[in-house]
């Protein structure tokens, strides 16, 4: 009888371990649709968090425009090179994922290159990259459970719709 009890107990433990190993982990998935003047300009599905960590969404199309800034010092002048991104970029960073509460930080850019111009004098000339377009930085979005939200971008030409839902992997 003791041998039978040990066998049943061992089988129950093994079944529990196997069931736990086969249970699908839950992930927080984000459906993303970004519109400009009613037309979709970016769409995607992205896992923002699961049991292994949190994941940032970044989609960029464009290029870095390099420029030089002259800085006058007591020892003379120094040229410092920098760059600015020109194009379309959508960055969604998870700030907090806790049970059904999810906080995100959203930054969106849609700019075009207008040209480059020089500023300063002949002894210390700098460059300026001229762009125009839309930019929104660090817009906070908070979900309470699975829901669909429109991110407040404060520009009537742009809409960003995010849908959060749990997903089994």
C-alpha atoms as a PDB file:
ATOM      1  CA  UNK A   1       0.000   0.000   0.000  1.00  0.00           C
ATOM      2  CA  UNK A   2       2.844   2.362   0.887  1.00  0.00           C
ATOM      3  CA  UNK A   3       4.437   1.709  -2.511  1.00  0.00           C
ATOM      4  CA  UNK A   4       1.126   2.479  -4.278  1.00  0.00           C
ATOM      5  CA  UNK A   5       0.718   5.730  -2.318  1.00  0.00           C
ATOM      6  CA  UNK A   6       4.264   6.840  -3.264  1.00  0.00           C
ATOM      7  CA  UNK A   7       3.590   6.041  -6.928  1.00  0.00           C
ATOM      8  CA  UNK A   8       0.318   8.006  -6.956  1.00  0.00           C
ATOM      9  CA  UNK A   9       1.979  10.958  -5.200  1.00  0.00           C
ATOM     10  CA  UNK A  10       4.915  10.946  -7.649  1.00  0.00           C
ATOM     11  CA  UNK A  11       2.511  10.737 -10.599  1.00  0.00           C
ATOM     12  CA  UNK A  12       0.474  13.673  -9.266  1.00  0.00           C
ATOM     13  CA  UNK A  13       3.619  15.791  -8.831  1.00  0.00           C
ATOM     14  CA  UNK A  14       4.835  14.913 -12.334  1.00  0.00           C
ATOM     15  CA  UNK A  15       1.432  15.731 -13.845  1.00  0.00           C
ATOM     16  CA  UNK A  16       1.439  19.105 -12.108  1.00  0.00           C
ATOM     17  CA  UNK A  17       4.918  19.916 -13.403  1.00  0.00           C
ATOM     18  CA  UNK A  18       3.994  18.877 -16.948  1.00  0.00           C
ATOM     19  CA  UNK A  19       0.756  20.887 -16.839  1.00  0.00           C
ATOM     20  CA  UNK A  20       2.661  23.925 -15.572  1.00  0.00           C
ATOM     21  CA  UNK A  21       5.276  23.546 -18.288  1.00  0.00           C
ATOM     22  CA  UNK A  22       2.612  23.353 -20.988  1.00  0.00           C
ATOM     23  CA  UNK A  23       0.559  26.291 -19.701  1.00  0.00           C
ATOM     24  CA  UNK A  24       0.928  29.059 -22.231  1.00  0.00           C
ATOM     25  CA  UNK A  25       2.483  32.246 -20.858  1.00  0.00           C
ATOM     26  CA  UNK A  26       0.422  35.401 -21.129  1.00  0.00           C
ATOM     27  CA  UNK A  27       1.698  38.400 -23.068  1.00  0.00           C
ATOM     28  CA  UNK A  28       0.410  41.954 -23.333  1.00  0.00           C
ATOM     29  CA  UNK A  29       0.021  42.617 -27.046  1.00  0.00           C
ATOM     30  CA  UNK A  30      -0.513  46.003 -28.633  1.00  0.00           C
ATOM     31  CA  UNK A  31      -2.209  46.575 -31.989  1.00  0.00           C
ATOM     32  CA  UNK A  32      -0.985  49.851 -33.509  1.00  0.00           C
ATOM     33  CA  UNK A  33      -2.617  51.947 -36.233  1.00  0.00           C
ATOM     34  CA  UNK A  34      -1.283  55.431 -37.053  1.00  0.00           C
ATOM     35  CA  UNK A  35      -3.228  57.655 -39.449  1.00  0.00           C
ATOM     36  CA  UNK A  36      -2.377  60.849 -41.312  1.00  0.00           C
ATOM     37  CA  UNK A  37      -5.290  62.672 -42.942  1.00  0.00           C
ATOM     38  CA  UNK A  38      -7.396  59.515 -42.668  1.00  0.00           C
ATOM     39  CA  UNK A  39      -4.826  57.259 -44.396  1.00  0.00           C
ATOM     40  CA  UNK A  40      -2.928  54.517 -42.530  1.00  0.00           C
ATOM     41  CA  UNK A  41       0.783  55.390 -42.390  1.00  0.00           C
ATOM     42  CA  UNK A  42       1.913  52.721 -39.903  1.00  0.00           C
ATOM     43  CA  UNK A  43       0.363  49.567 -38.565  1.00  0.00           C
ATOM     44  CA  UNK A  44       1.621  46.670 -36.544  1.00  0.00           C
ATOM     45  CA  UNK A  45       1.222  44.217 -33.703  1.00  0.00           C
ATOM     46  CA  UNK A  46       3.797  44.179 -30.957  1.00  0.00           C
ATOM     47  CA  UNK A  47       4.261  42.281 -27.701  1.00  0.00           C
ATOM     48  CA  UNK A  48       5.053  44.962 -25.120  1.00  0.00           C
ATOM     49  CA  UNK A  49       5.507  42.585 -22.215  1.00  0.00           C
ATOM     50  CA  UNK A  50       5.508  38.950 -21.217  1.00  0.00           C
ATOM     51  CA  UNK A  51       7.009  36.894 -18.417  1.00  0.00           C
ATOM     52  CA  UNK A  52      10.518  37.495 -19.774  1.00  0.00           C
ATOM     53  CA  UNK A  53      10.387  41.309 -19.764  1.00  0.00           C
ATOM     54  CA  UNK A  54       9.100  44.447 -21.465  1.00  0.00           C
ATOM     55  CA  UNK A  55       9.758  45.440 -25.066  1.00  0.00           C
ATOM     56  CA  UNK A  56       9.873  48.809 -26.814  1.00  0.00           C
ATOM     57  CA  UNK A  57       8.262  49.325 -30.220  1.00  0.00           C
ATOM     58  CA  UNK A  58      10.254  51.444 -32.687  1.00  0.00           C
ATOM     59  CA  UNK A  59       9.438  51.845 -36.351  1.00  0.00           C
ATOM     60  CA  UNK A  60      11.476  54.356 -38.334  1.00  0.00           C
ATOM     61  CA  UNK A  61      11.724  55.302 -41.953  1.00  0.00           C
ATOM     62  CA  UNK A  62      13.930  58.241 -42.788  1.00  0.00           C
ATOM     63  CA  UNK A  63      17.490  59.314 -42.266  1.00  0.00           C
ATOM     64  CA  UNK A  64      19.796  61.215 -39.971  1.00  0.00           C
ATOM     65  CA  UNK A  65      20.780  64.673 -41.257  1.00  0.00           C
ATOM     66  CA  UNK A  66      24.218  65.614 -39.988  1.00  0.00           C
ATOM     67  CA  UNK A  67      25.290  69.135 -39.105  1.00  0.00           C
ATOM     68  CA  UNK A  68      28.146  70.955 -37.383  1.00  0.00           C
ATOM     69  CA  UNK A  69      27.965  73.472 -34.565  1.00  0.00           C
ATOM     70  CA  UNK A  70      30.838  75.831 -33.865  1.00  0.00           C
ATOM     71  CA  UNK A  71      31.553  76.617 -30.234  1.00  0.00           C
ATOM     72  CA  UNK A  72      33.865  79.490 -29.346  1.00  0.00           C
ATOM     73  CA  UNK A  73      36.094  78.880 -26.323  1.00  0.00           C
ATOM     74  CA  UNK A  74      38.936  80.784 -24.703  1.00  0.00           C
ATOM     75  CA  UNK A  75      41.377  78.512 -26.538  1.00  0.00           C
ATOM     76  CA  UNK A  76      39.773  79.043 -29.954  1.00  0.00           C
ATOM     77  CA  UNK A  77      36.904  77.333 -31.719  1.00  0.00           C
ATOM     78  CA  UNK A  78      35.645  73.778 -31.588  1.00  0.00           C
ATOM     79  CA  UNK A  79      33.424  72.065 -34.140  1.00  0.00           C
ATOM     80  CA  UNK A  80      30.894  69.607 -32.734  1.00  0.00           C
ATOM     81  CA  UNK A  81      29.091  67.254 -35.082  1.00  0.00           C
ATOM     82  CA  UNK A  82      25.487  66.229 -34.410  1.00  0.00           C
ATOM     83  CA  UNK A  83      22.535  64.842 -36.291  1.00  0.00           C
ATOM     84  CA  UNK A  84      18.770  65.141 -36.324  1.00  0.00           C
ATOM     85  CA  UNK A  85      16.335  62.480 -37.537  1.00  0.00           C
ATOM     86  CA  UNK A  86      14.195  63.456 -40.530  1.00  0.00           C
ATOM     87  CA  UNK A  87      11.346  61.177 -41.581  1.00  0.00           C
ATOM     88  CA  UNK A  88       8.687  59.118 -39.844  1.00  0.00           C
ATOM     89  CA  UNK A  89       9.253  57.503 -36.467  1.00  0.00           C
ATOM     90  CA  UNK A  90       6.954  55.913 -33.905  1.00  0.00           C
ATOM     91  CA  UNK A  91       8.368  54.956 -30.507  1.00  0.00           C
ATOM     92  CA  UNK A  92       6.220  53.248 -27.858  1.00  0.00           C
ATOM     93  CA  UNK A  93       7.958  52.529 -24.559  1.00  0.00           C
ATOM     94  CA  UNK A  94       6.356  50.541 -21.735  1.00  0.00           C
ATOM     95  CA  UNK A  95       6.654  52.481 -18.468  1.00  0.00           C
ATOM     96  CA  UNK A  96       4.646  50.132 -16.234  1.00  0.00           C
ATOM     97  CA  UNK A  97       3.066  46.732 -16.781  1.00  0.00           C
ATOM     98  CA  UNK A  98       1.286  45.516 -13.659  1.00  0.00           C
ATOM     99  CA  UNK A  99      -1.555  42.972 -13.901  1.00  0.00           C
ATOM    100  CA  UNK A 100      -4.187  44.731 -16.038  1.00  0.00           C
ATOM    101  CA  UNK A 101      -2.666  48.209 -15.750  1.00  0.00           C
ATOM    102  CA  UNK A 102      -0.294  49.285 -18.519  1.00  0.00           C
ATOM    103  CA  UNK A 103       1.349  52.699 -18.884  1.00  0.00           C
ATOM    104  CA  UNK A 104       3.121  53.674 -22.091  1.00  0.00           C
ATOM    105  CA  UNK A 105       5.149  56.637 -23.310  1.00  0.00           C
ATOM    106  CA  UNK A 106       4.562  57.477 -26.983  1.00  0.00           C
ATOM    107  CA  UNK A 107       6.725  59.657 -29.244  1.00  0.00           C
ATOM    108  CA  UNK A 108       5.801  60.261 -32.881  1.00  0.00           C
ATOM    109  CA  UNK A 109       7.639  62.209 -35.583  1.00  0.00           C
ATOM    110  CA  UNK A 110       6.679  62.888 -39.199  1.00  0.00           C
ATOM    111  CA  UNK A 111       9.044  65.519 -40.628  1.00  0.00           C
ATOM    112  CA  UNK A 112      10.528  66.448 -43.987  1.00  0.00           C
ATOM    113  CA  UNK A 113      13.879  68.027 -44.846  1.00  0.00           C
ATOM    114  CA  UNK A 114      13.731  71.661 -46.007  1.00  0.00           C
ATOM    115  CA  UNK A 115      17.449  72.257 -46.374  1.00  0.00           C
ATOM    116  CA  UNK A 116      20.542  73.317 -44.528  1.00  0.00           C
ATOM    117  CA  UNK A 117      21.744  76.821 -43.773  1.00  0.00           C
ATOM    118  CA  UNK A 118      24.775  78.400 -42.148  1.00  0.00           C
ATOM    119  CA  UNK A 119      24.716  80.673 -39.120  1.00  0.00           C
ATOM    120  CA  UNK A 120      27.422  82.581 -37.305  1.00  0.00           C
ATOM    121  CA  UNK A 121      30.377  84.391 -38.786  1.00  0.00           C
ATOM    122  CA  UNK A 122      33.386  83.397 -40.875  1.00  0.00           C
ATOM    123  CA  UNK A 123      35.451  82.691 -37.737  1.00  0.00           C
ATOM    124  CA  UNK A 124      32.867  80.346 -36.214  1.00  0.00           C
ATOM    125  CA  UNK A 125      30.181  79.148 -38.644  1.00  0.00           C
ATOM    126  CA  UNK A 126      27.547  76.576 -37.690  1.00  0.00           C
ATOM    127  CA  UNK A 127      24.964  74.662 -39.688  1.00  0.00           C
ATOM    128  CA  UNK A 128      21.232  74.418 -39.021  1.00  0.00           C
ATOM    129  CA  UNK A 129      19.010  71.661 -40.414  1.00  0.00           C
ATOM    130  CA  UNK A 130      15.622  73.081 -41.390  1.00  0.00           C
ATOM    131  CA  UNK A 131      12.673  70.702 -41.173  1.00  0.00           C
ATOM    132  CA  UNK A 132       8.927  70.976 -40.930  1.00  0.00           C
ATOM    133  CA  UNK A 133       6.225  68.590 -39.847  1.00  0.00           C
ATOM    134  CA  UNK A 134       4.771  66.922 -36.808  1.00  0.00           C
ATOM    135  CA  UNK A 135       6.452  65.899 -33.557  1.00  0.00           C
ATOM    136  CA  UNK A 136       4.988  64.703 -30.261  1.00  0.00           C
ATOM    137  CA  UNK A 137       7.226  63.514 -27.436  1.00  0.00           C
ATOM    138  CA  UNK A 138       6.572  61.425 -24.341  1.00  0.00           C
ATOM    139  CA  UNK A 139       2.771  61.370 -24.555  1.00  0.00           C
ATOM    140  CA  UNK A 140       1.505  59.297 -21.627  1.00  0.00           C
ATOM    141  CA  UNK A 141      -1.090  56.580 -22.274  1.00  0.00           C
ATOM    142  CA  UNK A 142      -2.663  54.381 -19.604  1.00  0.00           C
ATOM    143  CA  UNK A 143      -4.668  51.193 -20.143  1.00  0.00           C
ATOM    144  CA  UNK A 144      -6.814  49.520 -17.501  1.00  0.00           C
ATOM    145  CA  UNK A 145      -7.281  46.058 -18.902  1.00  0.00           C
ATOM    146  CA  UNK A 146      -7.913  45.135 -22.500  1.00  0.00           C
ATOM    147  CA  UNK A 147      -9.186  48.202 -24.319  1.00  0.00           C
ATOM    148  CA  UNK A 148      -8.723  50.467 -27.347  1.00  0.00           C
ATOM    149  CA  UNK A 149      -7.531  54.054 -26.876  1.00  0.00           C
ATOM    150  CA  UNK A 150      -6.774  56.994 -29.130  1.00  0.00           C
ATOM    151  CA  UNK A 151      -3.503  58.694 -28.178  1.00  0.00           C
ATOM    152  CA  UNK A 152      -3.935  62.479 -27.785  1.00  0.00           C
ATOM    153  CA  UNK A 153      -1.484  63.799 -30.403  1.00  0.00           C
ATOM    154  CA  UNK A 154      -2.929  67.350 -30.471  1.00  0.00           C
ATOM    155  CA  UNK A 155      -2.812  67.626 -34.271  1.00  0.00           C
ATOM    156  CA  UNK A 156      -5.986  67.166 -36.337  1.00  0.00           C
ATOM    157  CA  UNK A 157      -4.015  65.563 -39.202  1.00  0.00           C
ATOM    158  CA  UNK A 158      -2.801  62.651 -37.057  1.00  0.00           C
ATOM    159  CA  UNK A 159      -4.542  59.864 -35.132  1.00  0.00           C
ATOM    160  CA  UNK A 160      -2.862  57.029 -33.279  1.00  0.00           C
ATOM    161  CA  UNK A 161      -5.070  54.158 -32.131  1.00  0.00           C
ATOM    162  CA  UNK A 162      -3.697  51.515 -29.754  1.00  0.00           C
ATOM    163  CA  UNK A 163      -5.508  48.330 -28.712  1.00  0.00           C
ATOM    164  CA  UNK A 164      -4.171  46.359 -25.762  1.00  0.00           C
ATOM    165  CA  UNK A 165      -5.112  42.738 -25.276  1.00  0.00           C
ATOM    166  CA  UNK A 166      -3.668  39.701 -23.543  1.00  0.00           C
ATOM    167  CA  UNK A 167      -2.477  36.927 -25.780  1.00  0.00           C
ATOM    168  CA  UNK A 168      -1.375  33.374 -25.113  1.00  0.00           C
ATOM    169  CA  UNK A 169       1.875  32.448 -26.745  1.00  0.00           C
END
